Amino acid sequence: MARRRFWRHPNEFKRMAVERFNNCQSIVALAKELGIQRRLLYKWRLGEREHLRLVLWTVVSQRSIATTPFEQTTESMTGMA
């Protein structure tokens, strides 16, 4: 039987913690205040950065697929570019 994953901290809490982590003076104090391990803050921040990078990559790749070289050439020949 497959084991179910259990998420202790909601995504909104993680986003709030990363936001505060990016603007705080003491990571140790923030981790103690939130009641979590310091390494979780680093892990969550890395995950957020990876997510943003993936979203950006997806948008850029979709844009490049939508505009094929043939369409670009046709637009430049007609003066619409």
Protein backbone atom coordinates (compact mmCIF):
# COMPACT_ATOMS: atom_id res chain seq x y z
CA MET A 1 0.00 0.00 0.00
CA ALA A 2 1.38 3.42 -0.96
CA ARG A 3 2.34 5.78 1.82
CA ARG A 4 0.59 9.12 1.90
CA ARG A 5 2.64 12.28 2.17
CA PHE A 6 1.85 14.59 5.01
CA TRP A 7 2.56 18.29 4.69
CA ARG A 8 2.96 19.87 8.07
CA HIS A 9 3.17 23.46 6.88
CA PRO A 10 0.64 24.96 4.47
CA ASN A 11 1.95 26.61 1.30
CA GLU A 12 0.80 30.04 2.48
CA PHE A 13 2.89 29.67 5.64
CA LYS A 14 5.90 28.69 3.54
CA ARG A 15 5.48 31.72 1.27
CA MET A 16 5.20 34.02 4.29
CA ALA A 17 8.28 32.45 5.88
CA VAL A 18 10.34 32.84 2.68
CA GLU A 19 9.22 36.47 2.33
CA ARG A 20 10.33 37.21 5.88
CA PHE A 21 13.52 35.19 5.34
CA ASN A 22 14.46 37.39 2.39
CA ASN A 23 14.07 40.55 4.49
CA CYS A 24 15.34 39.51 7.92
CA GLN A 25 18.56 40.18 9.79
CA SER A 26 18.78 36.90 11.73
CA ILE A 27 17.80 33.60 10.17
CA VAL A 28 18.26 31.81 13.48
CA ALA A 29 15.87 34.16 15.27
CA LEU A 30 13.28 33.86 12.50
CA ALA A 31 13.44 30.06 12.57
CA LYS A 32 12.98 30.05 16.35
CA GLU A 33 10.07 32.49 16.11
CA LEU A 34 8.33 30.35 13.49
CA GLY A 35 9.14 27.10 15.31
CA ILE A 36 10.92 25.47 12.38
CA GLN A 37 14.44 24.36 11.56
CA ARG A 38 16.69 26.88 9.88
CA ARG A 39 17.43 24.53 7.00
CA LEU A 40 13.73 24.43 6.12
CA LEU A 41 13.87 28.15 5.34
CA TYR A 42 16.73 27.57 2.92
CA LYS A 43 14.94 24.57 1.38
CA TRP A 44 11.71 26.51 0.90
CA ARG A 45 13.55 29.49 -0.60
CA LEU A 46 15.34 27.21 -3.05
CA GLY A 47 12.05 25.56 -3.98
CA GLU A 48 10.43 28.95 -4.59
CA ARG A 49 13.31 30.03 -6.82
CA GLU A 50 13.12 26.79 -8.80
CA HIS A 51 9.38 27.25 -9.22
CA LEU A 52 9.82 30.81 -10.52
CA ARG A 53 12.57 29.68 -12.88
CA LEU A 54 10.33 26.91 -14.22
CA VAL A 55 7.42 29.31 -14.75
CA LEU A 56 9.66 31.78 -16.58
CA TRP A 57 11.12 29.01 -18.74
CA THR A 58 7.63 27.78 -19.61
CA VAL A 59 6.46 31.26 -20.66
CA VAL A 60 9.55 31.87 -22.78
CA SER A 61 9.37 28.46 -24.44
CA GLN A 62 5.67 28.88 -25.25
CA ARG A 63 6.38 32.28 -26.78
CA SER A 64 9.13 30.83 -28.97
CA ILE A 65 6.86 27.96 -30.09
CA ALA A 66 4.06 30.38 -30.96
CA THR A 67 6.34 32.46 -33.16
CA THR A 68 8.02 30.17 -35.66
CA PRO A 69 10.87 31.36 -37.90
CA PHE A 70 8.51 31.26 -40.90
CA GLU A 71 6.10 33.67 -39.21
CA GLN A 72 9.00 35.97 -38.26
CA THR A 73 10.30 36.00 -41.84
CA THR A 74 6.85 36.68 -43.29
CA GLU A 75 6.27 39.57 -40.89
CA SER A 76 9.64 41.16 -41.71
CA MET A 77 8.98 40.84 -45.46
CA THR A 78 5.58 42.54 -45.19
CA GLY A 79 6.95 45.30 -42.96
CA MET A 80 4.75 44.40 -40.01
CA ALA A 81 7.65 43.61 -37.69
